């Protein structure tokens, strides 16, 4: 959507928000919302996603949306959403330049959710900030405890 005109971008965002807000949505297993743009759009989409009844995601890509993660409230909402997922296997948060605190909160959600910890196979965390001890300890715990984990990407 980075290359679309503003009216088309707004229409696409509104369509995504409406789809995510549909309470009778069938089981959604894959969602790719990377490179979507501004924090205003991100606020709308992230709020719709986190407020949804979706619990069936296996693949979630929210990569390259740096402005979405500026507030601790958005990260907290997303962490709660992660805890609701019953079979999340592949989580992409690369190129978001997540702060150490935001990264730690998301990793804690994965680690402390029985479902996420048991089902996670791939974590794409490239270009996140690893300057806190808690983030490093959490990813080490996930690596040690997640029985299906195959890949962790942490390149900067």
C-alpha atoms as a PDB file:
ATOM      1  CA  UNK A   1       0.000   0.000   0.000  1.00  0.00           C
ATOM      2  CA  UNK A   2       3.005   2.310   0.193  1.00  0.00           C
ATOM      3  CA  UNK A   3       2.675   3.099  -3.497  1.00  0.00           C
ATOM      4  CA  UNK A   4      -1.072   3.684  -3.670  1.00  0.00           C
ATOM      5  CA  UNK A   5      -2.851   6.986  -3.743  1.00  0.00           C
ATOM      6  CA  UNK A   6      -4.265   8.310  -0.462  1.00  0.00           C
ATOM      7  CA  UNK A   7      -7.957   7.617  -1.340  1.00  0.00           C
ATOM      8  CA  UNK A   8      -7.163   4.030  -2.350  1.00  0.00           C
ATOM      9  CA  UNK A   9      -5.045   3.495   0.768  1.00  0.00           C
ATOM     10  CA  UNK A  10      -7.869   4.784   2.981  1.00  0.00           C
ATOM     11  CA  UNK A  11     -10.404   2.543   1.227  1.00  0.00           C
ATOM     12  CA  UNK A  12      -8.174  -0.527   1.620  1.00  0.00           C
ATOM     13  CA  UNK A  13      -7.536   0.200   5.284  1.00  0.00           C
ATOM     14  CA  UNK A  14     -11.257   0.657   5.928  1.00  0.00           C
ATOM     15  CA  UNK A  15     -11.990  -2.610   4.110  1.00  0.00           C
ATOM     16  CA  UNK A  16      -9.401  -4.459   6.254  1.00  0.00           C
ATOM     17  CA  UNK A  17     -10.822  -2.903   9.427  1.00  0.00           C
ATOM     18  CA  UNK A  18     -14.343  -3.992   8.454  1.00  0.00           C
ATOM     19  CA  UNK A  19     -13.173  -7.530   7.705  1.00  0.00           C
ATOM     20  CA  UNK A  20     -11.294  -7.783  11.003  1.00  0.00           C
ATOM     21  CA  UNK A  21     -14.280  -6.329  12.879  1.00  0.00           C
ATOM     22  CA  UNK A  22     -16.639  -8.999  11.551  1.00  0.00           C
ATOM     23  CA  UNK A  23     -17.503 -11.024  14.664  1.00  0.00           C
ATOM     24  CA  UNK A  24     -18.735 -13.990  12.615  1.00  0.00           C
ATOM     25  CA  UNK A  25     -15.548 -14.266  10.588  1.00  0.00           C
ATOM     26  CA  UNK A  26     -14.610 -17.846   9.749  1.00  0.00           C
ATOM     27  CA  UNK A  27     -11.371 -19.219  11.101  1.00  0.00           C
ATOM     28  CA  UNK A  28      -8.637 -16.999   9.725  1.00  0.00           C
ATOM     29  CA  UNK A  29      -5.286 -18.783   9.629  1.00  0.00           C
ATOM     30  CA  UNK A  30      -3.008 -16.353   7.765  1.00  0.00           C
ATOM     31  CA  UNK A  31      -2.750 -12.591   7.895  1.00  0.00           C
ATOM     32  CA  UNK A  32      -0.158 -10.505   6.098  1.00  0.00           C
ATOM     33  CA  UNK A  33      -0.295  -6.835   7.086  1.00  0.00           C
ATOM     34  CA  UNK A  34       3.288  -5.759   6.416  1.00  0.00           C
ATOM     35  CA  UNK A  35       4.453  -2.433   4.971  1.00  0.00           C
ATOM     36  CA  UNK A  36       1.132  -0.679   5.435  1.00  0.00           C
ATOM     37  CA  UNK A  37       2.238   2.811   6.296  1.00  0.00           C
ATOM     38  CA  UNK A  38       1.397   5.473   8.820  1.00  0.00           C
ATOM     39  CA  UNK A  39       0.622   5.172  12.487  1.00  0.00           C
ATOM     40  CA  UNK A  40      -2.965   6.357  11.912  1.00  0.00           C
ATOM     41  CA  UNK A  41      -3.590   3.403   9.603  1.00  0.00           C
ATOM     42  CA  UNK A  42      -1.679   1.180  11.973  1.00  0.00           C
ATOM     43  CA  UNK A  43      -3.792   2.323  14.906  1.00  0.00           C
ATOM     44  CA  UNK A  44      -6.968   1.413  13.035  1.00  0.00           C
ATOM     45  CA  UNK A  45      -5.732  -1.961  11.828  1.00  0.00           C
ATOM     46  CA  UNK A  46      -3.976  -2.971  15.020  1.00  0.00           C
ATOM     47  CA  UNK A  47      -6.987  -1.996  17.125  1.00  0.00           C
ATOM     48  CA  UNK A  48      -9.337  -3.941  14.813  1.00  0.00           C
ATOM     49  CA  UNK A  49      -7.029  -6.965  14.896  1.00  0.00           C
ATOM     50  CA  UNK A  50      -6.544  -6.935  18.661  1.00  0.00           C
ATOM     51  CA  UNK A  51     -10.269  -6.367  19.290  1.00  0.00           C
ATOM     52  CA  UNK A  52     -11.276  -9.192  16.979  1.00  0.00           C
ATOM     53  CA  UNK A  53     -12.437 -12.645  18.009  1.00  0.00           C
ATOM     54  CA  UNK A  54      -9.660 -14.222  15.944  1.00  0.00           C
ATOM     55  CA  UNK A  55      -7.932 -17.061  17.785  1.00  0.00           C
ATOM     56  CA  UNK A  56      -7.007 -19.295  14.847  1.00  0.00           C
ATOM     57  CA  UNK A  57      -3.998 -17.561  13.285  1.00  0.00           C
ATOM     58  CA  UNK A  58      -1.098 -19.758  12.263  1.00  0.00           C
ATOM     59  CA  UNK A  59       0.784 -17.112  10.262  1.00  0.00           C
ATOM     60  CA  UNK A  60       0.935 -13.430  11.206  1.00  0.00           C
ATOM     61  CA  UNK A  61       3.122 -10.886   9.428  1.00  0.00           C
ATOM     62  CA  UNK A  62       3.140  -7.336  10.798  1.00  0.00           C
ATOM     63  CA  UNK A  63       6.649  -6.573   9.558  1.00  0.00           C
ATOM     64  CA  UNK A  64       7.937  -3.195   8.424  1.00  0.00           C
ATOM     65  CA  UNK A  65       5.355  -1.091  10.256  1.00  0.00           C
ATOM     66  CA  UNK A  66       7.698   0.897  12.508  1.00  0.00           C
ATOM     67  CA  UNK A  67       5.227   3.650  13.410  1.00  0.00           C
ATOM     68  CA  UNK A  68       2.680   1.151  14.774  1.00  0.00           C
ATOM     69  CA  UNK A  69       4.786   0.374  17.841  1.00  0.00           C
ATOM     70  CA  UNK A  70       5.384   3.891  19.153  1.00  0.00           C
ATOM     71  CA  UNK A  71       3.080   3.508  22.137  1.00  0.00           C
ATOM     72  CA  UNK A  72       3.235   1.022  24.976  1.00  0.00           C
ATOM     73  CA  UNK A  73      -0.581   0.689  24.833  1.00  0.00           C
ATOM     74  CA  UNK A  74      -0.484  -0.725  21.291  1.00  0.00           C
ATOM     75  CA  UNK A  75       2.186  -3.213  22.280  1.00  0.00           C
ATOM     76  CA  UNK A  76       0.195  -4.265  25.348  1.00  0.00           C
ATOM     77  CA  UNK A  77      -2.924  -4.800  23.202  1.00  0.00           C
ATOM     78  CA  UNK A  78      -0.908  -6.869  20.751  1.00  0.00           C
ATOM     79  CA  UNK A  79       0.614  -8.951  23.552  1.00  0.00           C
ATOM     80  CA  UNK A  80      -2.906  -9.814  24.759  1.00  0.00           C
ATOM     81  CA  UNK A  81      -3.885 -10.724  21.197  1.00  0.00           C
ATOM     82  CA  UNK A  82      -0.886 -13.089  20.952  1.00  0.00           C
ATOM     83  CA  UNK A  83      -1.986 -14.818  24.160  1.00  0.00           C
ATOM     84  CA  UNK A  84      -5.411 -15.555  22.586  1.00  0.00           C
ATOM     85  CA  UNK A  85      -3.940 -17.380  19.593  1.00  0.00           C
ATOM     86  CA  UNK A  86      -4.449 -21.121  19.816  1.00  0.00           C
ATOM     87  CA  UNK A  87      -2.068 -22.287  17.089  1.00  0.00           C
ATOM     88  CA  UNK A  88       0.310 -19.481  16.104  1.00  0.00           C
ATOM     89  CA  UNK A  89       3.256 -20.980  14.244  1.00  0.00           C
ATOM     90  CA  UNK A  90       4.913 -18.124  12.371  1.00  0.00           C
ATOM     91  CA  UNK A  91       5.248 -14.567  13.728  1.00  0.00           C
ATOM     92  CA  UNK A  92       6.907 -11.858  11.633  1.00  0.00           C
ATOM     93  CA  UNK A  93       7.769  -8.609  13.378  1.00  0.00           C
ATOM     94  CA  UNK A  94      10.900  -7.830  11.380  1.00  0.00           C
ATOM     95  CA  UNK A  95      11.892  -4.303  10.390  1.00  0.00           C
ATOM     96  CA  UNK A  96       9.747  -2.730  13.116  1.00  0.00           C
ATOM     97  CA  UNK A  97      12.655  -1.377  15.149  1.00  0.00           C
ATOM     98  CA  UNK A  98      10.842  -2.550  18.283  1.00  0.00           C
ATOM     99  CA  UNK A  99      12.197  -1.032  21.473  1.00  0.00           C
ATOM    100  CA  UNK A 100      13.671  -3.405  24.022  1.00  0.00           C
ATOM    101  CA  UNK A 101      10.641  -2.924  26.298  1.00  0.00           C
ATOM    102  CA  UNK A 102       8.127  -3.583  23.494  1.00  0.00           C
ATOM    103  CA  UNK A 103      10.078  -6.602  22.309  1.00  0.00           C
ATOM    104  CA  UNK A 104      10.230  -7.988  25.854  1.00  0.00           C
ATOM    105  CA  UNK A 105       6.475  -7.573  26.291  1.00  0.00           C
ATOM    106  CA  UNK A 106       5.714  -9.444  23.052  1.00  0.00           C
ATOM    107  CA  UNK A 107       8.215 -12.208  23.843  1.00  0.00           C
ATOM    108  CA  UNK A 108       6.741 -12.535  27.333  1.00  0.00           C
ATOM    109  CA  UNK A 109       3.299 -13.008  25.757  1.00  0.00           C
ATOM    110  CA  UNK A 110       4.647 -15.840  23.596  1.00  0.00           C
ATOM    111  CA  UNK A 111       6.499 -17.456  26.489  1.00  0.00           C
ATOM    112  CA  UNK A 112       3.654 -17.219  29.005  1.00  0.00           C
ATOM    113  CA  UNK A 113       0.927 -18.379  26.640  1.00  0.00           C
ATOM    114  CA  UNK A 114       0.743 -22.171  26.725  1.00  0.00           C
ATOM    115  CA  UNK A 115      -0.734 -22.277  23.246  1.00  0.00           C
ATOM    116  CA  UNK A 116       1.778 -19.909  21.637  1.00  0.00           C
ATOM    117  CA  UNK A 117       4.767 -21.532  23.308  1.00  0.00           C
ATOM    118  CA  UNK A 118       3.622 -25.004  22.226  1.00  0.00           C
ATOM    119  CA  UNK A 119       2.820 -24.055  18.620  1.00  0.00           C
ATOM    120  CA  UNK A 120       5.418 -21.431  17.615  1.00  0.00           C
ATOM    121  CA  UNK A 121       7.754 -22.615  14.842  1.00  0.00           C
ATOM    122  CA  UNK A 122       9.258 -19.392  13.481  1.00  0.00           C
ATOM    123  CA  UNK A 123      10.014 -15.993  14.995  1.00  0.00           C
ATOM    124  CA  UNK A 124      11.211 -13.260  12.632  1.00  0.00           C
ATOM    125  CA  UNK A 125      12.583 -10.472  14.823  1.00  0.00           C
ATOM    126  CA  UNK A 126      15.131  -8.829  12.522  1.00  0.00           C
ATOM    127  CA  UNK A 127      15.865  -5.169  13.256  1.00  0.00           C
ATOM    128  CA  UNK A 128      14.522  -5.214  16.805  1.00  0.00           C
ATOM    129  CA  UNK A 129      16.438  -3.740  19.728  1.00  0.00           C
ATOM    130  CA  UNK A 130      18.105  -6.388  21.868  1.00  0.00           C
ATOM    131  CA  UNK A 131      19.795  -4.011  24.304  1.00  0.00           C
ATOM    132  CA  UNK A 132      17.902  -5.258  27.364  1.00  0.00           C
ATOM    133  CA  UNK A 133      18.775  -8.290  29.392  1.00  0.00           C
ATOM    134  CA  UNK A 134      15.091  -9.238  29.725  1.00  0.00           C
ATOM    135  CA  UNK A 135      14.609  -9.515  25.940  1.00  0.00           C
ATOM    136  CA  UNK A 136      17.663 -11.754  25.668  1.00  0.00           C
ATOM    137  CA  UNK A 137      16.542 -13.904  28.602  1.00  0.00           C
ATOM    138  CA  UNK A 138      13.045 -14.269  27.159  1.00  0.00           C
ATOM    139  CA  UNK A 139      14.235 -15.330  23.706  1.00  0.00           C
ATOM    140  CA  UNK A 140      16.649 -17.811  25.346  1.00  0.00           C
ATOM    141  CA  UNK A 141      13.744 -19.256  27.362  1.00  0.00           C
ATOM    142  CA  UNK A 142      11.557 -19.526  24.276  1.00  0.00           C
ATOM    143  CA  UNK A 143      14.355 -21.276  22.376  1.00  0.00           C
ATOM    144  CA  UNK A 144      14.815 -23.713  25.258  1.00  0.00           C
ATOM    145  CA  UNK A 145      11.109 -24.348  25.958  1.00  0.00           C
ATOM    146  CA  UNK A 146       9.235 -24.167  22.634  1.00  0.00           C
ATOM    147  CA  UNK A 147       9.057 -27.776  21.417  1.00  0.00           C
ATOM    148  CA  UNK A 148       8.329 -26.985  17.749  1.00  0.00           C
ATOM    149  CA  UNK A 149      10.619 -23.982  17.279  1.00  0.00           C
ATOM    150  CA  UNK A 150      12.642 -24.283  14.065  1.00  0.00           C
ATOM    151  CA  UNK A 151      13.798 -20.748  13.296  1.00  0.00           C
ATOM    152  CA  UNK A 152      14.568 -17.535  15.138  1.00  0.00           C
ATOM    153  CA  UNK A 153      15.810 -14.591  13.054  1.00  0.00           C
ATOM    154  CA  UNK A 154      17.372 -11.763  15.019  1.00  0.00           C
ATOM    155  CA  UNK A 155      19.642  -9.964  12.527  1.00  0.00           C
ATOM    156  CA  UNK A 156      20.121  -6.208  12.847  1.00  0.00           C
END
